Amino acid sequence: MAFFQTRKPRKFEYKPRFYDPKKEELEDLKAKYGEIEGTSYKRRIDFRQAMNEKKNDVIRKPIPASKIIIVASVLMAAIYFLLTYIEKW
């Protein structure tokens, strides 16, 4: 017999919560338009998402070094010709 009763440790109950905006958007659309049979509805949403991702990839591409060199050389040539013709005036 023990004089003091020791308590059992409480269990760690961690329930992670995840926010999935795609799932929430899909549920909103389902609630708005009702259930649609087949996967054509899902393909439409995935197509839009793929197009947006592709558009963002095009925007994020860095400018090639060759374009920078060409633009810089054209600007330098333009400045050179402007300065030479301004002196002649």
PDB file of N, CA and C in Angstrom:
ATOM      1  N   MET A   1       0.831  -1.178   0.000  1.00  0.00           N
ATOM      2  CA  MET A   1       0.000   0.000   0.000  1.00  0.00           C
ATOM      3  C   MET A   1       0.878   1.244   0.000  1.00  0.00           C
ATOM      4  N   ALA A   2       0.443   2.180  -0.800  1.00  0.00           N
ATOM      5  CA  ALA A   2       1.204   3.414  -0.889  1.00  0.00           C
ATOM      6  C   ALA A   2       0.485   4.483  -0.084  1.00  0.00           C
ATOM      7  N   PHE A   3       1.301   5.320   0.519  1.00  0.00           N
ATOM      8  CA  PHE A   3       0.699   6.399   1.292  1.00  0.00           C
ATOM      9  C   PHE A   3       0.173   7.510   0.385  1.00  0.00           C
ATOM     10  N   PHE A   4       0.886   7.733  -0.688  1.00  0.00           N
ATOM     11  CA  PHE A   4       0.468   8.768  -1.637  1.00  0.00           C
ATOM     12  C   PHE A   4       0.157   8.114  -2.970  1.00  0.00           C
ATOM     13  N   GLN A   5      -0.932   8.516  -3.536  1.00  0.00           N
ATOM     14  CA  GLN A   5      -1.271   7.989  -4.849  1.00  0.00           C
ATOM     15  C   GLN A   5      -0.713   8.950  -5.906  1.00  0.00           C
ATOM     16  N   THR A   6       0.060   8.416  -6.808  1.00  0.00           N
ATOM     17  CA  THR A   6       0.608   9.257  -7.868  1.00  0.00           C
ATOM     18  C   THR A   6      -0.366   9.282  -9.043  1.00  0.00           C
ATOM     19  N   ARG A   7      -0.508  10.439  -9.584  1.00  0.00           N
ATOM     20  CA  ARG A   7      -1.411  10.576 -10.721  1.00  0.00           C
ATOM     21  C   ARG A   7      -0.725  10.089 -11.989  1.00  0.00           C
ATOM     22  N   LYS A   8      -1.525   9.575 -12.856  1.00  0.00           N
ATOM     23  CA  LYS A   8      -0.998   9.208 -14.163  1.00  0.00           C
ATOM     24  C   LYS A   8      -0.890  10.487 -14.997  1.00  0.00           C
ATOM     25  N   PRO A   9       0.135  10.582 -15.796  1.00  0.00           N
ATOM     26  CA  PRO A   9       0.268  11.788 -16.614  1.00  0.00           C
ATOM     27  C   PRO A   9      -0.860  11.888 -17.633  1.00  0.00           C
ATOM     28  N   ARG A  10      -1.261  13.141 -17.881  1.00  0.00           N
ATOM     29  CA  ARG A  10      -2.316  13.343 -18.863  1.00  0.00           C
ATOM     30  C   ARG A  10      -1.782  13.069 -20.264  1.00  0.00           C
ATOM     31  N   LYS A  11      -2.636  12.581 -21.096  1.00  0.00           N
ATOM     32  CA  LYS A  11      -2.244  12.303 -22.467  1.00  0.00           C
ATOM     33  C   LYS A  11      -2.144  13.606 -23.246  1.00  0.00           C
ATOM     34  N   PHE A  12      -1.193  13.649 -24.129  1.00  0.00           N
ATOM     35  CA  PHE A  12      -1.021  14.804 -25.006  1.00  0.00           C
ATOM     36  C   PHE A  12      -1.952  14.634 -26.183  1.00  0.00           C
ATOM     37  N   GLU A  13      -2.953  15.469 -26.263  1.00  0.00           N
ATOM     38  CA  GLU A  13      -3.936  15.354 -27.329  1.00  0.00           C
ATOM     39  C   GLU A  13      -3.824  16.560 -28.252  1.00  0.00           C
ATOM     40  N   TYR A  14      -3.017  16.411 -29.254  1.00  0.00           N
ATOM     41  CA  TYR A  14      -2.822  17.471 -30.231  1.00  0.00           C
ATOM     42  C   TYR A  14      -3.560  17.093 -31.502  1.00  0.00           C
ATOM     43  N   LYS A  15      -4.499  17.915 -31.899  1.00  0.00           N
ATOM     44  CA  LYS A  15      -5.252  17.677 -33.120  1.00  0.00           C
ATOM     45  C   LYS A  15      -4.883  18.786 -34.111  1.00  0.00           C
ATOM     46  N   PRO A  16      -4.051  18.464 -35.082  1.00  0.00           N
ATOM     47  CA  PRO A  16      -3.644  19.510 -36.029  1.00  0.00           C
ATOM     48  C   PRO A  16      -4.810  19.948 -36.896  1.00  0.00           C
ATOM     49  N   ARG A  17      -4.819  21.218 -37.206  1.00  0.00           N
ATOM     50  CA  ARG A  17      -5.843  21.781 -38.067  1.00  0.00           C
ATOM     51  C   ARG A  17      -5.161  22.284 -39.327  1.00  0.00           C
ATOM     52  N   PHE A  18      -5.658  21.839 -40.443  1.00  0.00           N
ATOM     53  CA  PHE A  18      -5.081  22.241 -41.709  1.00  0.00           C
ATOM     54  C   PHE A  18      -6.099  23.060 -42.478  1.00  0.00           C
ATOM     55  N   TYR A  19      -5.626  24.094 -43.125  1.00  0.00           N
ATOM     56  CA  TYR A  19      -6.482  24.920 -43.967  1.00  0.00           C
ATOM     57  C   TYR A  19      -6.106  24.644 -45.411  1.00  0.00           C
ATOM     58  N   ASP A  20      -7.054  24.143 -46.148  1.00  0.00           N
ATOM     59  CA  ASP A  20      -6.826  23.841 -47.553  1.00  0.00           C
ATOM     60  C   ASP A  20      -7.744  24.744 -48.378  1.00  0.00           C
ATOM     61  N   PRO A  21      -7.195  25.817 -48.948  1.00  0.00           N
ATOM     62  CA  PRO A  21      -8.060  26.741 -49.696  1.00  0.00           C
ATOM     63  C   PRO A  21      -8.701  26.101 -50.918  1.00  0.00           C
ATOM     64  N   LYS A  22      -8.010  25.146 -51.549  1.00  0.00           N
ATOM     65  CA  LYS A  22      -8.589  24.482 -52.719  1.00  0.00           C
ATOM     66  C   LYS A  22      -9.827  23.690 -52.325  1.00  0.00           C
ATOM     67  N   LYS A  23      -9.722  22.975 -51.205  1.00  0.00           N
ATOM     68  CA  LYS A  23     -10.848  22.170 -50.752  1.00  0.00           C
ATOM     69  C   LYS A  23     -12.024  23.067 -50.363  1.00  0.00           C
ATOM     70  N   GLU A  24     -11.722  24.180 -49.699  1.00  0.00           N
ATOM     71  CA  GLU A  24     -12.788  25.083 -49.289  1.00  0.00           C
ATOM     72  C   GLU A  24     -13.476  25.704 -50.511  1.00  0.00           C
ATOM     73  N   GLU A  25     -12.689  26.073 -51.513  1.00  0.00           N
ATOM     74  CA  GLU A  25     -13.271  26.626 -52.735  1.00  0.00           C
ATOM     75  C   GLU A  25     -14.142  25.588 -53.430  1.00  0.00           C
ATOM     76  N   LEU A  26     -13.664  24.354 -53.476  1.00  0.00           N
ATOM     77  CA  LEU A  26     -14.433  23.284 -54.099  1.00  0.00           C
ATOM     78  C   LEU A  26     -15.748  23.053 -53.358  1.00  0.00           C
ATOM     79  N   GLU A  27     -15.699  23.057 -52.028  1.00  0.00           N
ATOM     80  CA  GLU A  27     -16.926  22.868 -51.250  1.00  0.00           C
ATOM     81  C   GLU A  27     -17.897  24.021 -51.461  1.00  0.00           C
ATOM     82  N   ASP A  28     -17.378  25.253 -51.552  1.00  0.00           N
ATOM     83  CA  ASP A  28     -18.246  26.400 -51.815  1.00  0.00           C
ATOM     84  C   ASP A  28     -18.923  26.278 -53.177  1.00  0.00           C
ATOM     85  N   LEU A  29     -18.147  25.860 -54.184  1.00  0.00           N
ATOM     86  CA  LEU A  29     -18.722  25.704 -55.517  1.00  0.00           C
ATOM     87  C   LEU A  29     -19.742  24.579 -55.556  1.00  0.00           C
ATOM     88  N   LYS A  30     -19.453  23.492 -54.824  1.00  0.00           N
ATOM     89  CA  LYS A  30     -20.418  22.395 -54.763  1.00  0.00           C
ATOM     90  C   LYS A  30     -21.705  22.844 -54.092  1.00  0.00           C
ATOM     91  N   ALA A  31     -21.580  23.658 -53.028  1.00  0.00           N
ATOM     92  CA  ALA A  31     -22.765  24.142 -52.338  1.00  0.00           C
ATOM     93  C   ALA A  31     -23.555  25.104 -53.234  1.00  0.00           C
ATOM     94  N   LYS A  32     -22.828  25.880 -54.040  1.00  0.00           N
ATOM     95  CA  LYS A  32     -23.490  26.860 -54.896  1.00  0.00           C
ATOM     96  C   LYS A  32     -24.187  26.198 -56.086  1.00  0.00           C
ATOM     97  N   TYR A  33     -23.498  25.265 -56.746  1.00  0.00           N
ATOM     98  CA  TYR A  33     -24.028  24.666 -57.966  1.00  0.00           C
ATOM     99  C   TYR A  33     -24.587  23.268 -57.766  1.00  0.00           C
ATOM    100  N   GLY A  34     -24.391  22.685 -56.611  1.00  0.00           N
ATOM    101  CA  GLY A  34     -24.867  21.335 -56.370  1.00  0.00           C
ATOM    102  C   GLY A  34     -23.846  20.303 -56.804  1.00  0.00           C
ATOM    103  N   GLU A  35     -24.122  19.064 -56.477  1.00  0.00           N
ATOM    104  CA  GLU A  35     -23.207  17.980 -56.836  1.00  0.00           C
ATOM    105  C   GLU A  35     -23.235  17.753 -58.338  1.00  0.00           C
ATOM    106  N   ILE A  36     -22.070  17.560 -58.904  1.00  0.00           N
ATOM    107  CA  ILE A  36     -21.952  17.277 -60.332  1.00  0.00           C
ATOM    108  C   ILE A  36     -21.354  15.892 -60.470  1.00  0.00           C
ATOM    109  N   GLU A  37     -21.980  15.086 -61.321  1.00  0.00           N
ATOM    110  CA  GLU A  37     -21.500  13.720 -61.488  1.00  0.00           C
ATOM    111  C   GLU A  37     -20.260  13.703 -62.364  1.00  0.00           C
ATOM    112  N   GLY A  38     -19.398  12.744 -62.100  1.00  0.00           N
ATOM    113  CA  GLY A  38     -18.194  12.592 -62.913  1.00  0.00           C
ATOM    114  C   GLY A  38     -17.071  13.492 -62.423  1.00  0.00           C
ATOM    115  N   THR A  39     -16.011  13.531 -63.185  1.00  0.00           N
ATOM    116  CA  THR A  39     -14.848  14.315 -62.786  1.00  0.00           C
ATOM    117  C   THR A  39     -14.666  15.551 -63.649  1.00  0.00           C
ATOM    118  N   SER A  40     -15.616  15.863 -64.523  1.00  0.00           N
ATOM    119  CA  SER A  40     -15.449  17.019 -65.400  1.00  0.00           C
ATOM    120  C   SER A  40     -15.407  18.310 -64.588  1.00  0.00           C
ATOM    121  N   TYR A  41     -16.152  18.368 -63.500  1.00  0.00           N
ATOM    122  CA  TYR A  41     -16.162  19.544 -62.642  1.00  0.00           C
ATOM    123  C   TYR A  41     -14.786  19.754 -62.031  1.00  0.00           C
ATOM    124  N   LYS A  42     -14.182  18.680 -61.536  1.00  0.00           N
ATOM    125  CA  LYS A  42     -12.865  18.776 -60.926  1.00  0.00           C
ATOM    126  C   LYS A  42     -11.817  19.148 -61.967  1.00  0.00           C
ATOM    127  N   ARG A  43     -11.929  18.603 -63.169  1.00  0.00           N
ATOM    128  CA  ARG A  43     -10.967  18.927 -64.222  1.00  0.00           C
ATOM    129  C   ARG A  43     -11.017  20.407 -64.564  1.00  0.00           C
ATOM    130  N   ARG A  44     -12.188  20.996 -64.532  1.00  0.00           N
ATOM    131  CA  ARG A  44     -12.317  22.415 -64.849  1.00  0.00           C
ATOM    132  C   ARG A  44     -11.563  23.253 -63.834  1.00  0.00           C
ATOM    133  N   ILE A  45     -11.690  22.929 -62.574  1.00  0.00           N
ATOM    134  CA  ILE A  45     -10.988  23.661 -61.532  1.00  0.00           C
ATOM    135  C   ILE A  45      -9.485  23.443 -61.659  1.00  0.00           C
ATOM    136  N   ASP A  46      -9.059  22.220 -61.906  1.00  0.00           N
ATOM    137  CA  ASP A  46      -7.635  21.939 -62.056  1.00  0.00           C
ATOM    138  C   ASP A  46      -7.062  22.654 -63.278  1.00  0.00           C
ATOM    139  N   PHE A  47      -7.849  22.769 -64.350  1.00  0.00           N
ATOM    140  CA  PHE A  47      -7.388  23.459 -65.536  1.00  0.00           C
ATOM    141  C   PHE A  47      -7.142  24.930 -65.240  1.00  0.00           C
ATOM    142  N   ARG A  48      -8.054  25.548 -64.531  1.00  0.00           N
ATOM    143  CA  ARG A  48      -7.875  26.957 -64.173  1.00  0.00           C
ATOM    144  C   ARG A  48      -6.643  27.142 -63.292  1.00  0.00           C
ATOM    145  N   GLN A  49      -6.481  26.260 -62.348  1.00  0.00           N
ATOM    146  CA  GLN A  49      -5.334  26.348 -61.458  1.00  0.00           C
ATOM    147  C   GLN A  49      -4.040  26.155 -62.239  1.00  0.00           C
ATOM    148  N   ALA A  50      -4.012  25.216 -63.163  1.00  0.00           N
ATOM    149  CA  ALA A  50      -2.815  24.977 -63.969  1.00  0.00           C
ATOM    150  C   ALA A  50      -2.495  26.196 -64.828  1.00  0.00           C
ATOM    151  N   MET A  51      -3.504  26.820 -65.383  1.00  0.00           N
ATOM    152  CA  MET A  51      -3.262  28.010 -66.198  1.00  0.00           C
ATOM    153  C   MET A  51      -2.713  29.157 -65.347  1.00  0.00           C
ATOM    154  N   ASN A  52      -3.247  29.325 -64.134  1.00  0.00           N
ATOM    155  CA  ASN A  52      -2.728  30.368 -63.245  1.00  0.00           C
ATOM    156  C   ASN A  52      -1.286  30.092 -62.850  1.00  0.00           C
ATOM    157  N   GLU A  53      -0.962  28.829 -62.567  1.00  0.00           N
ATOM    158  CA  GLU A  53       0.409  28.491 -62.212  1.00  0.00           C
ATOM    159  C   GLU A  53       1.340  28.732 -63.386  1.00  0.00           C
ATOM    160  N   LYS A  54       0.884  28.406 -64.595  1.00  0.00           N
ATOM    161  CA  LYS A  54       1.711  28.620 -65.781  1.00  0.00           C
ATOM    162  C   LYS A  54       1.945  30.114 -65.996  1.00  0.00           C
ATOM    163  N   LYS A  55       0.904  30.919 -65.780  1.00  0.00           N
ATOM    164  CA  LYS A  55       1.027  32.361 -65.930  1.00  0.00           C
ATOM    165  C   LYS A  55       2.035  32.910 -64.914  1.00  0.00           C
ATOM    166  N   ASN A  56       1.975  32.416 -63.692  1.00  0.00           N
ATOM    167  CA  ASN A  56       2.905  32.867 -62.669  1.00  0.00           C
ATOM    168  C   ASN A  56       4.337  32.441 -62.988  1.00  0.00           C
ATOM    169  N   ASP A  57       4.517  31.263 -63.593  1.00  0.00           N
ATOM    170  CA  ASP A  57       5.852  30.819 -63.972  1.00  0.00           C
ATOM    171  C   ASP A  57       6.450  31.731 -65.031  1.00  0.00           C
ATOM    172  N   VAL A  58       5.614  32.190 -65.971  1.00  0.00           N
ATOM    173  CA  VAL A  58       6.103  33.081 -67.021  1.00  0.00           C
ATOM    174  C   VAL A  58       6.552  34.396 -66.401  1.00  0.00           C
ATOM    175  N   ILE A  59       5.822  34.881 -65.436  1.00  0.00           N
ATOM    176  CA  ILE A  59       6.165  36.142 -64.794  1.00  0.00           C
ATOM    177  C   ILE A  59       7.456  36.003 -63.989  1.00  0.00           C
ATOM    178  N   ARG A  60       7.680  34.882 -63.365  1.00  0.00           N
ATOM    179  CA  ARG A  60       8.827  34.699 -62.484  1.00  0.00           C
ATOM    180  C   ARG A  60      10.138  34.422 -63.216  1.00  0.00           C
ATOM    181  N   LYS A  61      10.098  34.140 -64.527  1.00  0.00           N
ATOM    182  CA  LYS A  61      11.323  33.810 -65.238  1.00  0.00           C
ATOM    183  C   LYS A  61      12.260  35.015 -65.252  1.00  0.00           C
ATOM    184  N   PRO A  62      13.547  34.791 -64.996  1.00  0.00           N
ATOM    185  CA  PRO A  62      14.494  35.910 -65.026  1.00  0.00           C
ATOM    186  C   PRO A  62      14.771  36.351 -66.461  1.00  0.00           C
ATOM    187  N   ILE A  63      15.203  37.583 -66.598  1.00  0.00           N
ATOM    188  CA  ILE A  63      15.526  38.116 -67.919  1.00  0.00           C
ATOM    189  C   ILE A  63      16.865  37.528 -68.353  1.00  0.00           C
ATOM    190  N   PRO A  64      16.948  36.981 -69.548  1.00  0.00           N
ATOM    191  CA  PRO A  64      18.202  36.392 -70.009  1.00  0.00           C
ATOM    192  C   PRO A  64      19.305  37.445 -70.133  1.00  0.00           C
ATOM    193  N   ALA A  65      20.530  37.019 -69.910  1.00  0.00           N
ATOM    194  CA  ALA A  65      21.674  37.927 -69.956  1.00  0.00           C
ATOM    195  C   ALA A  65      21.864  38.502 -71.352  1.00  0.00           C
ATOM    196  N   SER A  66      21.546  37.720 -72.379  1.00  0.00           N
ATOM    197  CA  SER A  66      21.718  38.214 -73.750  1.00  0.00           C
ATOM    198  C   SER A  66      20.830  39.427 -74.015  1.00  0.00           C
ATOM    199  N   LYS A  67      19.612  39.409 -73.509  1.00  0.00           N
ATOM    200  CA  LYS A  67      18.725  40.561 -73.692  1.00  0.00           C
ATOM    201  C   LYS A  67      19.259  41.781 -72.971  1.00  0.00           C
ATOM    202  N   ILE A  68      19.788  41.587 -71.789  1.00  0.00           N
ATOM    203  CA  ILE A  68      20.340  42.709 -71.023  1.00  0.00           C
ATOM    204  C   ILE A  68      21.522  43.316 -71.773  1.00  0.00           C
ATOM    205  N   ILE A  69      22.384  42.470 -72.312  1.00  0.00           N
ATOM    206  CA  ILE A  69      23.551  42.958 -73.042  1.00  0.00           C
ATOM    207  C   ILE A  69      23.120  43.709 -74.298  1.00  0.00           C
ATOM    208  N   ILE A  70      22.139  43.180 -75.030  1.00  0.00           N
ATOM    209  CA  ILE A  70      21.673  43.844 -76.247  1.00  0.00           C
ATOM    210  C   ILE A  70      21.060  45.205 -75.930  1.00  0.00           C
ATOM    211  N   VAL A  71      20.204  45.262 -74.927  1.00  0.00           N
ATOM    212  CA  VAL A  71      19.557  46.523 -74.556  1.00  0.00           C
ATOM    213  C   VAL A  71      20.596  47.531 -74.080  1.00  0.00           C
ATOM    214  N   ALA A  72      21.561  47.081 -73.270  1.00  0.00           N
ATOM    215  CA  ALA A  72      22.602  47.993 -72.779  1.00  0.00           C
ATOM    216  C   ALA A  72      23.450  48.522 -73.927  1.00  0.00           C
ATOM    217  N   SER A  73      23.781  47.671 -74.898  1.00  0.00           N
ATOM    218  CA  SER A  73      24.605  48.130 -76.021  1.00  0.00           C
ATOM    219  C   SER A  73      23.833  49.115 -76.899  1.00  0.00           C
ATOM    220  N   VAL A  74      22.551  48.875 -77.111  1.00  0.00           N
ATOM    221  CA  VAL A  74      21.735  49.811 -77.898  1.00  0.00           C
ATOM    222  C   VAL A  74      21.636  51.148 -77.182  1.00  0.00           C
ATOM    223  N   LEU A  75      21.434  51.128 -75.880  1.00  0.00           N
ATOM    224  CA  LEU A  75      21.359  52.382 -75.125  1.00  0.00           C
ATOM    225  C   LEU A  75      22.683  53.128 -75.151  1.00  0.00           C
ATOM    226  N   MET A  76      23.784  52.409 -75.017  1.00  0.00           N
ATOM    227  CA  MET A  76      25.097  53.057 -75.049  1.00  0.00           C
ATOM    228  C   MET A  76      25.367  53.663 -76.426  1.00  0.00           C
ATOM    229  N   ALA A  77      24.983  52.959 -77.486  1.00  0.00           N
ATOM    230  CA  ALA A  77      25.160  53.490 -78.833  1.00  0.00           C
ATOM    231  C   ALA A  77      24.300  54.734 -79.028  1.00  0.00           C
ATOM    232  N   ALA A  78      23.075  54.705 -78.550  1.00  0.00           N
ATOM    233  CA  ALA A  78      22.190  55.865 -78.678  1.00  0.00           C
ATOM    234  C   ALA A  78      22.749  57.059 -77.924  1.00  0.00           C
ATOM    235  N   ILE A  79      23.249  56.831 -76.737  1.00  0.00           N
ATOM    236  CA  ILE A  79      23.842  57.931 -75.952  1.00  0.00           C
ATOM    237  C   ILE A  79      25.081  58.469 -76.656  1.00  0.00           C
ATOM    238  N   TYR A  80      25.896  57.607 -77.207  1.00  0.00           N
ATOM    239  CA  TYR A  80      27.109  58.036 -77.924  1.00  0.00           C
ATOM    240  C   TYR A  80      26.751  58.915 -79.119  1.00  0.00           C
ATOM    241  N   PHE A  81      25.779  58.456 -79.928  1.00  0.00           N
ATOM    242  CA  PHE A  81      25.394  59.249 -81.091  1.00  0.00           C
ATOM    243  C   PHE A  81      24.753  60.567 -80.684  1.00  0.00           C
ATOM    244  N   LEU A  82      23.962  60.571 -79.627  1.00  0.00           N
ATOM    245  CA  LEU A  82      23.367  61.827 -79.157  1.00  0.00           C
ATOM    246  C   LEU A  82      24.437  62.802 -78.701  1.00  0.00           C
ATOM    247  N   LEU A  83      25.418  62.312 -77.973  1.00  0.00           N
ATOM    248  CA  LEU A  83      26.473  63.199 -77.481  1.00  0.00           C
ATOM    249  C   LEU A  83      27.338  63.723 -78.627  1.00  0.00           C
ATOM    250  N   THR A  84      27.599  62.915 -79.642  1.00  0.00           N
ATOM    251  CA  THR A  84      28.411  63.397 -80.761  1.00  0.00           C
ATOM    252  C   THR A  84      27.647  64.413 -81.597  1.00  0.00           C
ATOM    253  N   TYR A  85      26.343  64.229 -81.800  1.00  0.00           N
ATOM    254  CA  TYR A  85      25.580  65.191 -82.580  1.00  0.00           C
ATOM    255  C   TYR A  85      25.294  66.468 -81.793  1.00  0.00           C
ATOM    256  N   ILE A  86      25.206  66.371 -80.470  1.00  0.00           N
ATOM    257  CA  ILE A  86      24.977  67.586 -79.659  1.00  0.00           C
ATOM    258  C   ILE A  86      26.212  68.467 -79.715  1.00  0.00           C
ATOM    259  N   GLU A  87      27.408  67.875 -79.739  1.00  0.00           N
ATOM    260  CA  GLU A  87      28.630  68.680 -79.818  1.00  0.00           C
ATOM    261  C   GLU A  87      28.743  69.391 -81.163  1.00  0.00           C
ATOM    262  N   LYS A  88      28.251  68.753 -82.216  1.00  0.00           N
ATOM    263  CA  LYS A  88      28.343  69.358 -83.549  1.00  0.00           C
ATOM    264  C   LYS A  88      27.372  70.517 -83.723  1.00  0.00           C
ATOM    265  N   TRP A  89      26.311  70.587 -82.969  1.00  0.00           N
ATOM    266  CA  TRP A  89      25.347  71.673 -83.103  1.00  0.00           C
ATOM    267  C   TRP A  89      25.973  72.890 -82.594  1.00  0.00           C
TER     268      TRP A  89
END
